[in-house]
Amino acid sequence: MKSLSSPKKRSKYRLYFGAAYFRLKRSLMWRSGKFRFAKVSGDPLPYTVFRHATPLMRKLKDVDMYLQYNKITN
């Protein structure tokens, strides 16, 4: 089994121009019209598959309630 090696060090210019290259490549791909992408419909779908809600207020041991109120504010 091969062990994982540490990532190669890249200069800040290489990182910047590499990211700019891939952004430009993606933008040209979007605009070319050769590729089909999914379209977003404004209509909601008829069924809910998954729903999640995080409770904002909970009584926690050794936690002051003002921290819970700050969580809601943030």
N, C-alpha and C. Protein backbone atom coordinates (compact mmCIF):
# COMPACT_ATOMS: atom_id res chain seq x y z
N MET A 1 0.84 -1.17 0.00
CA MET A 1 0.00 0.00 0.00
C MET A 1 0.89 1.23 0.00
N LYS A 2 0.51 2.20 -0.80
CA LYS A 2 1.29 3.41 -0.95
C LYS A 2 0.96 4.40 0.16
N SER A 3 1.97 5.01 0.76
CA SER A 3 1.73 6.00 1.80
C SER A 3 1.49 7.36 1.15
N LEU A 4 0.72 8.18 1.83
CA LEU A 4 0.43 9.51 1.33
C LEU A 4 1.63 10.41 1.54
N SER A 5 1.98 11.16 0.51
CA SER A 5 3.08 12.11 0.65
C SER A 5 2.51 13.49 0.91
N SER A 6 3.35 14.37 1.41
CA SER A 6 2.89 15.73 1.68
C SER A 6 2.70 16.47 0.36
N PRO A 7 1.81 17.47 0.33
CA PRO A 7 1.57 18.20 -0.92
C PRO A 7 2.79 18.99 -1.35
N LYS A 8 2.90 19.17 -2.65
CA LYS A 8 4.03 19.94 -3.19
C LYS A 8 3.84 21.41 -2.87
N LYS A 9 4.93 22.08 -2.63
CA LYS A 9 4.90 23.52 -2.38
C LYS A 9 4.81 24.24 -3.72
N ARG A 10 3.82 25.11 -3.85
CA ARG A 10 3.64 25.90 -5.06
C ARG A 10 3.84 27.37 -4.71
N SER A 11 4.39 28.13 -5.64
CA SER A 11 4.57 29.55 -5.40
C SER A 11 3.21 30.24 -5.46
N LYS A 12 3.13 31.44 -4.89
CA LYS A 12 1.86 32.15 -4.89
C LYS A 12 1.44 32.52 -6.30
N TYR A 13 2.40 32.74 -7.20
CA TYR A 13 2.07 33.05 -8.59
C TYR A 13 1.49 31.84 -9.29
N ARG A 14 2.06 30.67 -9.03
CA ARG A 14 1.55 29.43 -9.63
C ARG A 14 0.13 29.16 -9.14
N LEU A 15 -0.15 29.37 -7.86
CA LEU A 15 -1.49 29.16 -7.34
C LEU A 15 -2.49 30.14 -7.95
N TYR A 16 -2.08 31.41 -8.05
CA TYR A 16 -2.97 32.43 -8.60
C TYR A 16 -3.29 32.15 -10.07
N PHE A 17 -2.26 31.93 -10.88
CA PHE A 17 -2.49 31.72 -12.31
C PHE A 17 -3.14 30.37 -12.59
N GLY A 18 -2.89 29.38 -11.75
CA GLY A 18 -3.57 28.10 -11.91
C GLY A 18 -5.06 28.22 -11.66
N ALA A 19 -5.43 28.94 -10.60
CA ALA A 19 -6.85 29.16 -10.30
C ALA A 19 -7.50 29.99 -11.40
N ALA A 20 -6.80 31.02 -11.88
CA ALA A 20 -7.34 31.87 -12.95
C ALA A 20 -7.55 31.05 -14.22
N TYR A 21 -6.63 30.14 -14.53
CA TYR A 21 -6.75 29.28 -15.71
C TYR A 21 -8.00 28.43 -15.64
N PHE A 22 -8.23 27.78 -14.50
CA PHE A 22 -9.38 26.90 -14.40
C PHE A 22 -10.69 27.67 -14.36
N ARG A 23 -10.69 28.89 -13.79
CA ARG A 23 -11.90 29.72 -13.83
C ARG A 23 -12.22 30.12 -15.27
N LEU A 24 -11.19 30.51 -16.02
CA LEU A 24 -11.39 30.89 -17.41
C LEU A 24 -11.86 29.69 -18.24
N LYS A 25 -11.25 28.54 -18.00
CA LYS A 25 -11.64 27.32 -18.72
C LYS A 25 -13.10 26.98 -18.46
N ARG A 26 -13.52 27.06 -17.19
CA ARG A 26 -14.91 26.76 -16.84
C ARG A 26 -15.85 27.77 -17.46
N SER A 27 -15.50 29.05 -17.46
CA SER A 27 -16.33 30.09 -18.03
C SER A 27 -16.50 29.88 -19.53
N LEU A 28 -15.42 29.54 -20.23
CA LEU A 28 -15.51 29.28 -21.66
C LEU A 28 -16.36 28.05 -21.94
N MET A 29 -16.27 27.06 -21.11
CA MET A 29 -17.07 25.85 -21.29
C MET A 29 -18.56 26.19 -21.13
N TRP A 30 -18.91 27.02 -20.16
CA TRP A 30 -20.29 27.41 -19.95
C TRP A 30 -20.84 28.17 -21.16
N ARG A 31 -20.02 29.05 -21.71
CA ARG A 31 -20.47 29.93 -22.79
C ARG A 31 -20.42 29.30 -24.17
N SER A 32 -19.70 28.21 -24.32
CA SER A 32 -19.52 27.63 -25.65
C SER A 32 -20.80 27.03 -26.20
N GLY A 33 -21.67 26.50 -25.35
CA GLY A 33 -22.89 25.89 -25.82
C GLY A 33 -22.73 24.44 -26.23
N LYS A 34 -21.54 23.89 -26.14
CA LYS A 34 -21.30 22.50 -26.51
C LYS A 34 -21.73 21.54 -25.42
N PHE A 35 -21.84 22.02 -24.20
CA PHE A 35 -22.16 21.17 -23.07
C PHE A 35 -23.57 21.50 -22.59
N ARG A 36 -24.29 20.47 -22.14
CA ARG A 36 -25.63 20.66 -21.60
C ARG A 36 -25.56 20.59 -20.09
N PHE A 37 -26.13 21.58 -19.45
CA PHE A 37 -26.17 21.63 -18.00
C PHE A 37 -27.62 21.60 -17.54
N ALA A 38 -27.83 21.24 -16.31
CA ALA A 38 -29.18 21.21 -15.75
C ALA A 38 -29.70 22.64 -15.63
N LYS A 39 -30.97 22.78 -15.89
CA LYS A 39 -31.62 24.08 -15.75
C LYS A 39 -32.37 24.12 -14.43
N VAL A 40 -32.37 25.27 -13.80
CA VAL A 40 -33.04 25.43 -12.52
C VAL A 40 -34.46 25.90 -12.79
N SER A 41 -35.41 25.17 -12.26
CA SER A 41 -36.81 25.52 -12.41
C SER A 41 -37.24 26.34 -11.20
N GLY A 42 -38.07 27.33 -11.42
CA GLY A 42 -38.57 28.15 -10.33
C GLY A 42 -39.66 27.46 -9.53
N ASP A 43 -40.25 26.40 -10.11
CA ASP A 43 -41.34 25.69 -9.44
C ASP A 43 -40.78 24.72 -8.41
N PRO A 44 -41.38 24.66 -7.22
CA PRO A 44 -40.92 23.68 -6.23
C PRO A 44 -41.32 22.27 -6.66
N LEU A 45 -40.54 21.32 -6.28
CA LEU A 45 -40.84 19.93 -6.61
C LEU A 45 -41.97 19.43 -5.73
N PRO A 46 -42.71 18.42 -6.18
CA PRO A 46 -43.91 18.00 -5.44
C PRO A 46 -43.63 17.26 -4.14
N TYR A 47 -42.47 16.66 -3.96
CA TYR A 47 -42.20 15.86 -2.77
C TYR A 47 -40.93 16.35 -2.08
N THR A 48 -40.95 16.30 -0.75
CA THR A 48 -39.77 16.62 0.04
C THR A 48 -39.08 15.31 0.39
N VAL A 49 -37.83 15.19 0.01
CA VAL A 49 -37.07 13.96 0.29
C VAL A 49 -36.37 14.06 1.62
N PHE A 50 -35.83 15.23 1.93
CA PHE A 50 -35.05 15.39 3.15
C PHE A 50 -35.26 16.79 3.68
N ARG A 51 -35.41 16.91 4.98
CA ARG A 51 -35.56 18.22 5.61
C ARG A 51 -34.76 18.20 6.91
N HIS A 52 -34.10 19.31 7.20
CA HIS A 52 -33.30 19.40 8.42
C HIS A 52 -33.49 20.77 9.05
N ALA A 53 -33.61 20.80 10.34
CA ALA A 53 -33.70 22.06 11.07
C ALA A 53 -32.86 21.92 12.32
N THR A 54 -31.98 22.88 12.54
CA THR A 54 -31.13 22.88 13.71
C THR A 54 -31.82 23.65 14.83
N PRO A 55 -31.96 23.06 16.00
CA PRO A 55 -32.58 23.80 17.11
C PRO A 55 -31.67 24.95 17.55
N LEU A 56 -32.26 26.12 17.70
CA LEU A 56 -31.46 27.29 18.06
C LEU A 56 -31.24 27.42 19.56
N MET A 57 -32.22 26.98 20.34
CA MET A 57 -32.09 27.09 21.78
C MET A 57 -32.10 25.70 22.40
N ARG A 58 -31.08 25.40 23.19
CA ARG A 58 -31.03 24.13 23.92
C ARG A 58 -30.45 24.38 25.30
N LYS A 59 -30.94 23.67 26.26
CA LYS A 59 -30.36 23.73 27.60
C LYS A 59 -29.16 22.80 27.62
N LEU A 60 -27.98 23.35 27.77
CA LEU A 60 -26.76 22.56 27.80
C LEU A 60 -26.10 22.70 29.16
N LYS A 61 -25.49 21.64 29.58
CA LYS A 61 -24.81 21.64 30.88
C LYS A 61 -23.56 22.51 30.80
N ASP A 62 -23.37 23.36 31.77
CA ASP A 62 -22.19 24.23 31.89
C ASP A 62 -22.04 25.20 30.71
N VAL A 63 -23.16 25.60 30.08
CA VAL A 63 -23.11 26.59 29.00
C VAL A 63 -24.10 27.69 29.36
N ASP A 64 -23.62 28.93 29.38
CA ASP A 64 -24.47 30.05 29.72
C ASP A 64 -25.47 30.31 28.59
N MET A 65 -26.68 30.74 28.97
CA MET A 65 -27.73 30.96 27.98
C MET A 65 -27.43 32.15 27.08
N TYR A 66 -26.62 33.11 27.54
CA TYR A 66 -26.32 34.25 26.67
C TYR A 66 -25.56 33.79 25.42
N LEU A 67 -24.84 32.68 25.52
CA LEU A 67 -24.16 32.15 24.33
C LEU A 67 -25.18 31.62 23.33
N GLN A 68 -26.28 31.05 23.83
CA GLN A 68 -27.33 30.58 22.94
C GLN A 68 -28.00 31.77 22.23
N TYR A 69 -28.22 32.86 22.95
CA TYR A 69 -28.81 34.04 22.32
C TYR A 69 -27.87 34.65 21.29
N ASN A 70 -26.57 34.64 21.58
CA ASN A 70 -25.60 35.14 20.60
C ASN A 70 -25.59 34.27 19.35
N LYS A 71 -25.79 32.97 19.50
CA LYS A 71 -25.84 32.06 18.36
C LYS A 71 -27.00 32.44 17.46
N ILE A 72 -28.14 32.79 18.05
CA ILE A 72 -29.30 33.19 17.25
C ILE A 72 -29.00 34.48 16.52
N THR A 73 -28.34 35.43 17.21
CA THR A 73 -28.01 36.71 16.59
C THR A 73 -27.09 36.53 15.40
N ASN A 74 -26.10 35.65 15.55
CA ASN A 74 -25.16 35.43 14.45
C ASN A 74 -25.85 34.73 13.30
